[in-house]
């Protein structure tokens, strides 16, 4: 056997051995996938390189709108960012949240890190596997995603007052892909201390005060055996009070008519990215 053949054989044996060891490690459950147990350096380097290169290659194929610096884009992107992103990626003046601290890999603090517009668009639209980053493109129109990308270019430059002013002027949370308005977030459905749901004040007291409804008197009747019987009628259902009949307050009332996003130039994405 010549040297070249021996070398090829040695490489094949080594590759087979590594594959076998890897298969045993995976099947045995030896590798800990817990979020509070960081990857080994080798695994982290492999996954991080794959993530960075995958995003970069696909983002390079996008055509970024020429009017990405338009104030209307930035302003509307601020509203969606405040509603959808701050739990993980924070906001000016916001301390790390339970979610941002509990995820692994940790989501980037976008108040400190600038992401290119193309990469921001691609990640927001398609998400990232096994990272906690959703694919918002399934419920959000491209124009709205570009508006978010436009806002992210400005976010690291904003202090808290400027950020809050942009959010207040944004028109609120709007997707443009089937989820525009009409839905509440868990954080908005609870009081700030997270202990008491809103719109339920006095509910229990009203229930106790009204008391049970009296049952109607028993109605006698005769069965086929000729013997009289009497059965208690079902309790009369209690009629809800006007306050119980009233629907819960819509926490997105100001979003029922979302602001129309600023339209990008005629081409906003490469020909193979359209999914809508």
C-alpha atoms as a PDB file:
ATOM      1  CA  UNK A   1       0.000   0.000   0.000  1.00  0.00           C
ATOM      2  CA  UNK A   2       1.514   3.321  -1.038  1.00  0.00           C
ATOM      3  CA  UNK A   3       1.774   6.411   1.154  1.00  0.00           C
ATOM      4  CA  UNK A   4      -1.227   8.174  -0.376  1.00  0.00           C
ATOM      5  CA  UNK A   5      -3.495   5.195   0.180  1.00  0.00           C
ATOM      6  CA  UNK A   6      -2.301   4.828   3.783  1.00  0.00           C
ATOM      7  CA  UNK A   7      -2.980   8.509   4.414  1.00  0.00           C
ATOM      8  CA  UNK A   8      -6.499   8.284   3.017  1.00  0.00           C
ATOM      9  CA  UNK A   9      -7.175   5.190   5.100  1.00  0.00           C
ATOM     10  CA  UNK A  10      -5.886   6.875   8.253  1.00  0.00           C
ATOM     11  CA  UNK A  11      -8.106   9.907   7.687  1.00  0.00           C
ATOM     12  CA  UNK A  12     -11.118   7.689   7.048  1.00  0.00           C
ATOM     13  CA  UNK A  13     -10.494   5.676  10.227  1.00  0.00           C
ATOM     14  CA  UNK A  14     -10.048   8.832  12.286  1.00  0.00           C
ATOM     15  CA  UNK A  15     -13.233  10.368  10.866  1.00  0.00           C
ATOM     16  CA  UNK A  16     -15.149   7.180  11.554  1.00  0.00           C
ATOM     17  CA  UNK A  17     -13.863   7.042  15.137  1.00  0.00           C
ATOM     18  CA  UNK A  18     -14.805  10.672  15.793  1.00  0.00           C
ATOM     19  CA  UNK A  19     -18.246  10.102  14.307  1.00  0.00           C
ATOM     20  CA  UNK A  20     -18.752   7.030  16.483  1.00  0.00           C
ATOM     21  CA  UNK A  21     -17.713   8.866  19.648  1.00  0.00           C
ATOM     22  CA  UNK A  22     -19.987  11.764  18.736  1.00  0.00           C
ATOM     23  CA  UNK A  23     -22.932   9.466  18.099  1.00  0.00           C
ATOM     24  CA  UNK A  24     -22.410   7.734  21.450  1.00  0.00           C
ATOM     25  CA  UNK A  25     -22.185  11.081  23.256  1.00  0.00           C
ATOM     26  CA  UNK A  26     -25.377  12.365  21.632  1.00  0.00           C
ATOM     27  CA  UNK A  27     -27.421   9.200  22.103  1.00  0.00           C
ATOM     28  CA  UNK A  28     -26.296   8.719  25.712  1.00  0.00           C
ATOM     29  CA  UNK A  29     -27.407  12.236  26.646  1.00  0.00           C
ATOM     30  CA  UNK A  30     -23.939  13.077  27.909  1.00  0.00           C
ATOM     31  CA  UNK A  31     -24.022  16.555  26.407  1.00  0.00           C
ATOM     32  CA  UNK A  32     -25.946  18.946  28.653  1.00  0.00           C
ATOM     33  CA  UNK A  33     -28.339  21.155  26.668  1.00  0.00           C
ATOM     34  CA  UNK A  34     -29.531  23.158  29.707  1.00  0.00           C
ATOM     35  CA  UNK A  35     -29.639  26.922  29.140  1.00  0.00           C
ATOM     36  CA  UNK A  36     -27.837  27.526  32.441  1.00  0.00           C
ATOM     37  CA  UNK A  37     -24.914  25.344  31.366  1.00  0.00           C
ATOM     38  CA  UNK A  38     -22.816  27.135  28.688  1.00  0.00           C
ATOM     39  CA  UNK A  39     -21.524  25.304  25.637  1.00  0.00           C
ATOM     40  CA  UNK A  40     -17.954  24.111  25.631  1.00  0.00           C
ATOM     41  CA  UNK A  41     -15.625  26.525  23.864  1.00  0.00           C
ATOM     42  CA  UNK A  42     -15.348  24.303  20.814  1.00  0.00           C
ATOM     43  CA  UNK A  43     -19.112  23.870  20.448  1.00  0.00           C
ATOM     44  CA  UNK A  44     -19.771  27.569  21.045  1.00  0.00           C
ATOM     45  CA  UNK A  45     -17.168  28.591  18.455  1.00  0.00           C
ATOM     46  CA  UNK A  46     -18.666  26.196  15.905  1.00  0.00           C
ATOM     47  CA  UNK A  47     -22.256  27.364  16.450  1.00  0.00           C
ATOM     48  CA  UNK A  48     -21.345  31.055  16.591  1.00  0.00           C
ATOM     49  CA  UNK A  49     -19.345  30.867  13.374  1.00  0.00           C
ATOM     50  CA  UNK A  50     -22.208  29.051  11.654  1.00  0.00           C
ATOM     51  CA  UNK A  51     -24.700  31.682  12.875  1.00  0.00           C
ATOM     52  CA  UNK A  52     -22.600  34.692  11.873  1.00  0.00           C
ATOM     53  CA  UNK A  53     -21.759  33.367   8.418  1.00  0.00           C
ATOM     54  CA  UNK A  54     -25.295  32.150   7.697  1.00  0.00           C
ATOM     55  CA  UNK A  55     -26.787  35.558   8.486  1.00  0.00           C
ATOM     56  CA  UNK A  56     -24.070  37.520   6.678  1.00  0.00           C
ATOM     57  CA  UNK A  57     -24.352  35.528   3.438  1.00  0.00           C
ATOM     58  CA  UNK A  58     -28.140  35.885   3.281  1.00  0.00           C
ATOM     59  CA  UNK A  59     -28.209  39.522   4.355  1.00  0.00           C
ATOM     60  CA  UNK A  60     -25.716  40.433   1.627  1.00  0.00           C
ATOM     61  CA  UNK A  61     -28.275  39.344  -0.966  1.00  0.00           C
ATOM     62  CA  UNK A  62     -30.871  41.862   0.269  1.00  0.00           C
ATOM     63  CA  UNK A  63     -31.503  45.297  -1.244  1.00  0.00           C
ATOM     64  CA  UNK A  64     -31.769  47.807   1.587  1.00  0.00           C
ATOM     65  CA  UNK A  65     -34.339  50.579   0.942  1.00  0.00           C
ATOM     66  CA  UNK A  66     -32.765  53.913   0.069  1.00  0.00           C
ATOM     67  CA  UNK A  67     -35.064  55.793   2.452  1.00  0.00           C
ATOM     68  CA  UNK A  68     -34.151  53.797   5.549  1.00  0.00           C
ATOM     69  CA  UNK A  69     -33.304  57.024   7.380  1.00  0.00           C
ATOM     70  CA  UNK A  70     -36.813  58.419   6.893  1.00  0.00           C
ATOM     71  CA  UNK A  71     -38.253  59.720  10.173  1.00  0.00           C
ATOM     72  CA  UNK A  72     -41.622  58.041   9.583  1.00  0.00           C
ATOM     73  CA  UNK A  73     -39.911  54.660   9.278  1.00  0.00           C
ATOM     74  CA  UNK A  74     -37.876  55.179  12.431  1.00  0.00           C
ATOM     75  CA  UNK A  75     -40.855  56.453  14.397  1.00  0.00           C
ATOM     76  CA  UNK A  76     -43.085  53.500  13.556  1.00  0.00           C
ATOM     77  CA  UNK A  77     -40.288  51.035  14.137  1.00  0.00           C
ATOM     78  CA  UNK A  78     -39.962  52.457  17.651  1.00  0.00           C
ATOM     79  CA  UNK A  79     -43.551  51.476  18.460  1.00  0.00           C
ATOM     80  CA  UNK A  80     -43.084  47.885  17.368  1.00  0.00           C
ATOM     81  CA  UNK A  81     -39.736  47.629  19.138  1.00  0.00           C
ATOM     82  CA  UNK A  82     -41.273  48.829  22.408  1.00  0.00           C
ATOM     83  CA  UNK A  83     -44.081  46.268  22.127  1.00  0.00           C
ATOM     84  CA  UNK A  84     -42.158  43.254  20.844  1.00  0.00           C
ATOM     85  CA  UNK A  85     -38.442  43.469  21.585  1.00  0.00           C
ATOM     86  CA  UNK A  86     -37.615  45.125  24.904  1.00  0.00           C
ATOM     87  CA  UNK A  87     -38.141  41.990  26.989  1.00  0.00           C
ATOM     88  CA  UNK A  88     -35.042  40.447  25.404  1.00  0.00           C
ATOM     89  CA  UNK A  89     -33.091  43.294  23.804  1.00  0.00           C
ATOM     90  CA  UNK A  90     -33.852  46.016  26.400  1.00  0.00           C
ATOM     91  CA  UNK A  91     -34.393  49.752  25.943  1.00  0.00           C
ATOM     92  CA  UNK A  92     -32.646  52.930  27.120  1.00  0.00           C
ATOM     93  CA  UNK A  93     -32.864  53.055  30.909  1.00  0.00           C
ATOM     94  CA  UNK A  94     -34.240  49.505  31.200  1.00  0.00           C
ATOM     95  CA  UNK A  95     -32.402  47.055  33.444  1.00  0.00           C
ATOM     96  CA  UNK A  96     -31.845  43.456  32.294  1.00  0.00           C
ATOM     97  CA  UNK A  97     -35.067  41.454  32.499  1.00  0.00           C
ATOM     98  CA  UNK A  98     -35.695  37.905  33.698  1.00  0.00           C
ATOM     99  CA  UNK A  99     -36.048  36.895  30.062  1.00  0.00           C
ATOM    100  CA  UNK A 100     -32.847  38.556  28.871  1.00  0.00           C
ATOM    101  CA  UNK A 101     -30.917  37.005  31.756  1.00  0.00           C
ATOM    102  CA  UNK A 102     -32.444  33.550  31.354  1.00  0.00           C
ATOM    103  CA  UNK A 103     -31.908  32.982  27.638  1.00  0.00           C
ATOM    104  CA  UNK A 104     -28.800  31.257  26.291  1.00  0.00           C
ATOM    105  CA  UNK A 105     -27.170  32.336  24.109  1.00  0.00           C
ATOM    106  CA  UNK A 106     -27.905  35.726  25.659  1.00  0.00           C
ATOM    107  CA  UNK A 107     -29.810  38.068  23.314  1.00  0.00           C
ATOM    108  CA  UNK A 108     -27.761  41.140  22.356  1.00  0.00           C
ATOM    109  CA  UNK A 109     -28.451  44.422  24.146  1.00  0.00           C
ATOM    110  CA  UNK A 110     -29.440  46.494  21.111  1.00  0.00           C
ATOM    111  CA  UNK A 111     -29.139  49.758  23.037  1.00  0.00           C
ATOM    112  CA  UNK A 112     -25.376  49.181  22.979  1.00  0.00           C
ATOM    113  CA  UNK A 113     -24.834  47.260  19.757  1.00  0.00           C
ATOM    114  CA  UNK A 114     -25.568  48.394  16.211  1.00  0.00           C
ATOM    115  CA  UNK A 115     -26.666  45.684  13.783  1.00  0.00           C
ATOM    116  CA  UNK A 116     -26.527  46.365  10.053  1.00  0.00           C
ATOM    117  CA  UNK A 117     -29.906  47.037   8.460  1.00  0.00           C
ATOM    118  CA  UNK A 118     -29.719  44.010   6.173  1.00  0.00           C
ATOM    119  CA  UNK A 119     -28.799  41.619   8.970  1.00  0.00           C
ATOM    120  CA  UNK A 120     -31.433  43.116  11.263  1.00  0.00           C
ATOM    121  CA  UNK A 121     -34.105  42.634   8.582  1.00  0.00           C
ATOM    122  CA  UNK A 122     -33.110  39.036   7.871  1.00  0.00           C
ATOM    123  CA  UNK A 123     -32.964  38.013  11.536  1.00  0.00           C
ATOM    124  CA  UNK A 124     -36.272  39.712  12.417  1.00  0.00           C
ATOM    125  CA  UNK A 125     -38.016  38.132   9.439  1.00  0.00           C
ATOM    126  CA  UNK A 126     -36.600  34.604   9.630  1.00  0.00           C
ATOM    127  CA  UNK A 127     -35.547  34.210  13.274  1.00  0.00           C
ATOM    128  CA  UNK A 128     -32.693  32.009  14.488  1.00  0.00           C
ATOM    129  CA  UNK A 129     -33.030  28.338  15.342  1.00  0.00           C
ATOM    130  CA  UNK A 130     -32.700  27.266  18.998  1.00  0.00           C
ATOM    131  CA  UNK A 131     -32.017  30.805  20.190  1.00  0.00           C
ATOM    132  CA  UNK A 132     -35.383  32.175  21.313  1.00  0.00           C
ATOM    133  CA  UNK A 133     -35.492  34.573  18.340  1.00  0.00           C
ATOM    134  CA  UNK A 134     -38.875  34.176  16.538  1.00  0.00           C
ATOM    135  CA  UNK A 135     -39.463  34.435  12.803  1.00  0.00           C
ATOM    136  CA  UNK A 136     -41.619  37.585  12.834  1.00  0.00           C
ATOM    137  CA  UNK A 137     -42.009  37.407   9.061  1.00  0.00           C
ATOM    138  CA  UNK A 138     -44.848  34.927   9.530  1.00  0.00           C
ATOM    139  CA  UNK A 139     -47.077  37.645  10.971  1.00  0.00           C
ATOM    140  CA  UNK A 140     -45.364  40.895   9.983  1.00  0.00           C
ATOM    141  CA  UNK A 141     -45.142  42.621   6.608  1.00  0.00           C
ATOM    142  CA  UNK A 142     -41.769  43.454   5.067  1.00  0.00           C
ATOM    143  CA  UNK A 143     -42.375  47.212   5.277  1.00  0.00           C
ATOM    144  CA  UNK A 144     -42.835  46.959   9.031  1.00  0.00           C
ATOM    145  CA  UNK A 145     -39.702  44.841   9.383  1.00  0.00           C
ATOM    146  CA  UNK A 146     -37.662  47.404   7.458  1.00  0.00           C
ATOM    147  CA  UNK A 147     -39.070  50.082   9.761  1.00  0.00           C
ATOM    148  CA  UNK A 148     -37.801  48.105  12.740  1.00  0.00           C
ATOM    149  CA  UNK A 149     -34.403  47.767  11.068  1.00  0.00           C
ATOM    150  CA  UNK A 150     -34.403  51.528  10.486  1.00  0.00           C
ATOM    151  CA  UNK A 151     -35.139  52.176  14.154  1.00  0.00           C
ATOM    152  CA  UNK A 152     -32.355  49.831  15.263  1.00  0.00           C
ATOM    153  CA  UNK A 153     -29.828  51.982  13.409  1.00  0.00           C
ATOM    154  CA  UNK A 154     -30.782  54.860  15.717  1.00  0.00           C
ATOM    155  CA  UNK A 155     -31.400  53.032  18.995  1.00  0.00           C
ATOM    156  CA  UNK A 156     -27.815  53.069  20.367  1.00  0.00           C
ATOM    157  CA  UNK A 157     -27.807  56.874  19.943  1.00  0.00           C
ATOM    158  CA  UNK A 158     -30.978  57.445  21.987  1.00  0.00           C
ATOM    159  CA  UNK A 159     -31.249  58.302  25.652  1.00  0.00           C
ATOM    160  CA  UNK A 160     -34.362  57.415  27.617  1.00  0.00           C
ATOM    161  CA  UNK A 161     -36.350  60.664  27.009  1.00  0.00           C
ATOM    162  CA  UNK A 162     -35.716  60.567  23.252  1.00  0.00           C
ATOM    163  CA  UNK A 163     -36.618  56.887  23.086  1.00  0.00           C
ATOM    164  CA  UNK A 164     -39.855  57.405  25.015  1.00  0.00           C
ATOM    165  CA  UNK A 165     -40.782  60.375  22.826  1.00  0.00           C
ATOM    166  CA  UNK A 166     -40.357  58.278  19.678  1.00  0.00           C
ATOM    167  CA  UNK A 167     -42.465  55.466  21.115  1.00  0.00           C
ATOM    168  CA  UNK A 168     -45.202  57.888  22.186  1.00  0.00           C
ATOM    169  CA  UNK A 169     -45.365  59.344  18.664  1.00  0.00           C
ATOM    170  CA  UNK A 170     -45.198  55.980  16.911  1.00  0.00           C
ATOM    171  CA  UNK A 171     -48.882  55.077  16.732  1.00  0.00           C
ATOM    172  CA  UNK A 172     -48.277  51.922  18.751  1.00  0.00           C
ATOM    173  CA  UNK A 173     -47.880  48.291  17.850  1.00  0.00           C
ATOM    174  CA  UNK A 174     -48.808  47.266  14.294  1.00  0.00           C
ATOM    175  CA  UNK A 175     -47.669  44.316  12.203  1.00  0.00           C
ATOM    176  CA  UNK A 176     -49.349  44.663   8.850  1.00  0.00           C
ATOM    177  CA  UNK A 177     -49.463  40.903   8.504  1.00  0.00           C
ATOM    178  CA  UNK A 178     -52.617  39.723  10.192  1.00  0.00           C
ATOM    179  CA  UNK A 179     -51.894  40.744  13.782  1.00  0.00           C
ATOM    180  CA  UNK A 180     -52.477  44.469  13.573  1.00  0.00           C
ATOM    181  CA  UNK A 181     -54.056  45.676  16.810  1.00  0.00           C
ATOM    182  CA  UNK A 182     -56.676  43.919  18.881  1.00  0.00           C
ATOM    183  CA  UNK A 183     -54.401  41.818  21.045  1.00  0.00           C
ATOM    184  CA  UNK A 184     -52.911  42.229  24.495  1.00  0.00           C
ATOM    185  CA  UNK A 185     -49.509  41.315  25.853  1.00  0.00           C
ATOM    186  CA  UNK A 186     -48.978  39.591  29.151  1.00  0.00           C
ATOM    187  CA  UNK A 187     -47.030  42.517  30.509  1.00  0.00           C
ATOM    188  CA  UNK A 188     -49.892  44.866  29.685  1.00  0.00           C
ATOM    189  CA  UNK A 189     -52.553  42.591  31.140  1.00  0.00           C
ATOM    190  CA  UNK A 190     -50.903  42.713  34.564  1.00  0.00           C
ATOM    191  CA  UNK A 191     -50.229  45.531  36.963  1.00  0.00           C
ATOM    192  CA  UNK A 192     -46.642  46.754  37.089  1.00  0.00           C
ATOM    193  CA  UNK A 193     -45.843  44.553  40.083  1.00  0.00           C
ATOM    194  CA  UNK A 194     -47.033  41.521  38.100  1.00  0.00           C
ATOM    195  CA  UNK A 195     -49.385  40.507  40.901  1.00  0.00           C
ATOM    196  CA  UNK A 196     -52.877  41.726  40.011  1.00  0.00           C
ATOM    197  CA  UNK A 197     -54.539  41.414  36.596  1.00  0.00           C
ATOM    198  CA  UNK A 198     -56.143  44.587  35.319  1.00  0.00           C
ATOM    199  CA  UNK A 199     -59.844  45.059  34.650  1.00  0.00           C
ATOM    200  CA  UNK A 200     -60.923  42.697  37.448  1.00  0.00           C
ATOM    201  CA  UNK A 201     -61.319  45.183  40.283  1.00  0.00           C
ATOM    202  CA  UNK A 202     -64.330  44.348  42.437  1.00  0.00           C
ATOM    203  CA  UNK A 203     -65.147  41.207  40.489  1.00  0.00           C
ATOM    204  CA  UNK A 204     -65.016  38.864  43.484  1.00  0.00           C
ATOM    205  CA  UNK A 205     -66.838  41.315  45.722  1.00  0.00           C
ATOM    206  CA  UNK A 206     -69.665  41.617  43.213  1.00  0.00           C
ATOM    207  CA  UNK A 207     -69.934  37.829  42.933  1.00  0.00           C
ATOM    208  CA  UNK A 208     -70.197  37.413  46.701  1.00  0.00           C
ATOM    209  CA  UNK A 209     -72.654  40.281  47.149  1.00  0.00           C
ATOM    210  CA  UNK A 210     -75.071  38.948  44.576  1.00  0.00           C
ATOM    211  CA  UNK A 211     -75.239  35.543  46.314  1.00  0.00           C
ATOM    212  CA  UNK A 212     -76.690  32.343  44.851  1.00  0.00           C
ATOM    213  CA  UNK A 213     -79.933  32.502  42.936  1.00  0.00           C
ATOM    214  CA  UNK A 214     -82.875  30.769  44.662  1.00  0.00           C
ATOM    215  CA  UNK A 215     -84.180  27.602  43.048  1.00  0.00           C
ATOM    216  CA  UNK A 216     -87.680  27.546  41.667  1.00  0.00           C
ATOM    217  CA  UNK A 217     -90.236  25.562  43.681  1.00  0.00           C
ATOM    218  CA  UNK A 218     -90.524  21.851  42.982  1.00  0.00           C
ATOM    219  CA  UNK A 219     -92.953  20.946  40.199  1.00  0.00           C
ATOM    220  CA  UNK A 220     -95.137  17.859  40.906  1.00  0.00           C
ATOM    221  CA  UNK A 221     -95.959  15.470  38.065  1.00  0.00           C
ATOM    222  CA  UNK A 222     -97.100  11.891  37.555  1.00  0.00           C
ATOM    223  CA  UNK A 223     -94.953   9.113  36.078  1.00  0.00           C
ATOM    224  CA  UNK A 224     -96.217   6.136  34.094  1.00  0.00           C
ATOM    225  CA  UNK A 225     -96.490   4.091  37.315  1.00  0.00           C
ATOM    226  CA  UNK A 226     -99.350   6.354  38.414  1.00  0.00           C
ATOM    227  CA  UNK A 227     -97.462   7.682  41.413  1.00  0.00           C
ATOM    228  CA  UNK A 228     -96.903  11.405  41.840  1.00  0.00           C
ATOM    229  CA  UNK A 229     -93.323  12.656  41.980  1.00  0.00           C
ATOM    230  CA  UNK A 230     -91.754  16.038  42.528  1.00  0.00           C
ATOM    231  CA  UNK A 231     -88.303  17.123  41.294  1.00  0.00           C
ATOM    232  CA  UNK A 232     -86.568  20.331  42.207  1.00  0.00           C
ATOM    233  CA  UNK A 233     -86.166  22.468  39.137  1.00  0.00           C
ATOM    234  CA  UNK A 234     -82.704  23.587  38.143  1.00  0.00           C
ATOM    235  CA  UNK A 235     -81.577  26.772  39.756  1.00  0.00           C
ATOM    236  CA  UNK A 236     -82.377  29.808  37.725  1.00  0.00           C
ATOM    237  CA  UNK A 237     -79.150  31.017  36.142  1.00  0.00           C
ATOM    238  CA  UNK A 238     -78.032  34.294  37.590  1.00  0.00           C
ATOM    239  CA  UNK A 239     -78.189  37.068  35.066  1.00  0.00           C
ATOM    240  CA  UNK A 240     -74.880  38.837  34.706  1.00  0.00           C
ATOM    241  CA  UNK A 241     -74.747  42.394  35.873  1.00  0.00           C
ATOM    242  CA  UNK A 242     -74.097  45.119  33.403  1.00  0.00           C
ATOM    243  CA  UNK A 243     -70.490  45.253  34.474  1.00  0.00           C
ATOM    244  CA  UNK A 244     -70.114  41.511  33.900  1.00  0.00           C
ATOM    245  CA  UNK A 245     -71.696  41.839  30.473  1.00  0.00           C
ATOM    246  CA  UNK A 246     -69.258  44.529  29.530  1.00  0.00           C
ATOM    247  CA  UNK A 247     -66.189  43.311  27.609  1.00  0.00           C
ATOM    248  CA  UNK A 248     -62.800  43.773  29.193  1.00  0.00           C
ATOM    249  CA  UNK A 249     -60.999  46.955  28.373  1.00  0.00           C
ATOM    250  CA  UNK A 250     -58.942  46.700  25.216  1.00  0.00           C
ATOM    251  CA  UNK A 251     -55.378  47.370  26.209  1.00  0.00           C
ATOM    252  CA  UNK A 252     -54.632  48.198  22.568  1.00  0.00           C
ATOM    253  CA  UNK A 253     -57.508  50.600  22.021  1.00  0.00           C
ATOM    254  CA  UNK A 254     -55.132  53.166  20.667  1.00  0.00           C
ATOM    255  CA  UNK A 255     -53.885  50.648  18.130  1.00  0.00           C
ATOM    256  CA  UNK A 256     -57.190  49.764  16.506  1.00  0.00           C
ATOM    257  CA  UNK A 257     -56.243  51.910  13.549  1.00  0.00           C
ATOM    258  CA  UNK A 258     -52.485  51.398  13.186  1.00  0.00           C
ATOM    259  CA  UNK A 259     -50.372  53.945  11.474  1.00  0.00           C
ATOM    260  CA  UNK A 260     -49.627  53.046   7.882  1.00  0.00           C
ATOM    261  CA  UNK A 261     -45.936  52.218   7.561  1.00  0.00           C
ATOM    262  CA  UNK A 262     -43.722  54.338   5.427  1.00  0.00           C
ATOM    263  CA  UNK A 263     -43.360  52.580   2.109  1.00  0.00           C
ATOM    264  CA  UNK A 264     -39.842  51.654   1.004  1.00  0.00           C
ATOM    265  CA  UNK A 265     -38.589  52.165  -2.495  1.00  0.00           C
ATOM    266  CA  UNK A 266     -40.019  49.970  -5.231  1.00  0.00           C
ATOM    267  CA  UNK A 267     -37.708  47.050  -4.436  1.00  0.00           C
ATOM    268  CA  UNK A 268     -37.107  46.197  -0.828  1.00  0.00           C
ATOM    269  CA  UNK A 269     -35.796  42.709  -0.985  1.00  0.00           C
ATOM    270  CA  UNK A 270     -34.134  40.387  -3.422  1.00  0.00           C
ATOM    271  CA  UNK A 271     -36.321  38.289  -5.664  1.00  0.00           C
ATOM    272  CA  UNK A 272     -35.964  35.078  -3.677  1.00  0.00           C
ATOM    273  CA  UNK A 273     -36.839  36.412  -0.241  1.00  0.00           C
ATOM    274  CA  UNK A 274     -40.550  37.139  -0.736  1.00  0.00           C
ATOM    275  CA  UNK A 275     -42.750  34.902   1.384  1.00  0.00           C
ATOM    276  CA  UNK A 276     -46.014  36.843   1.532  1.00  0.00           C
END
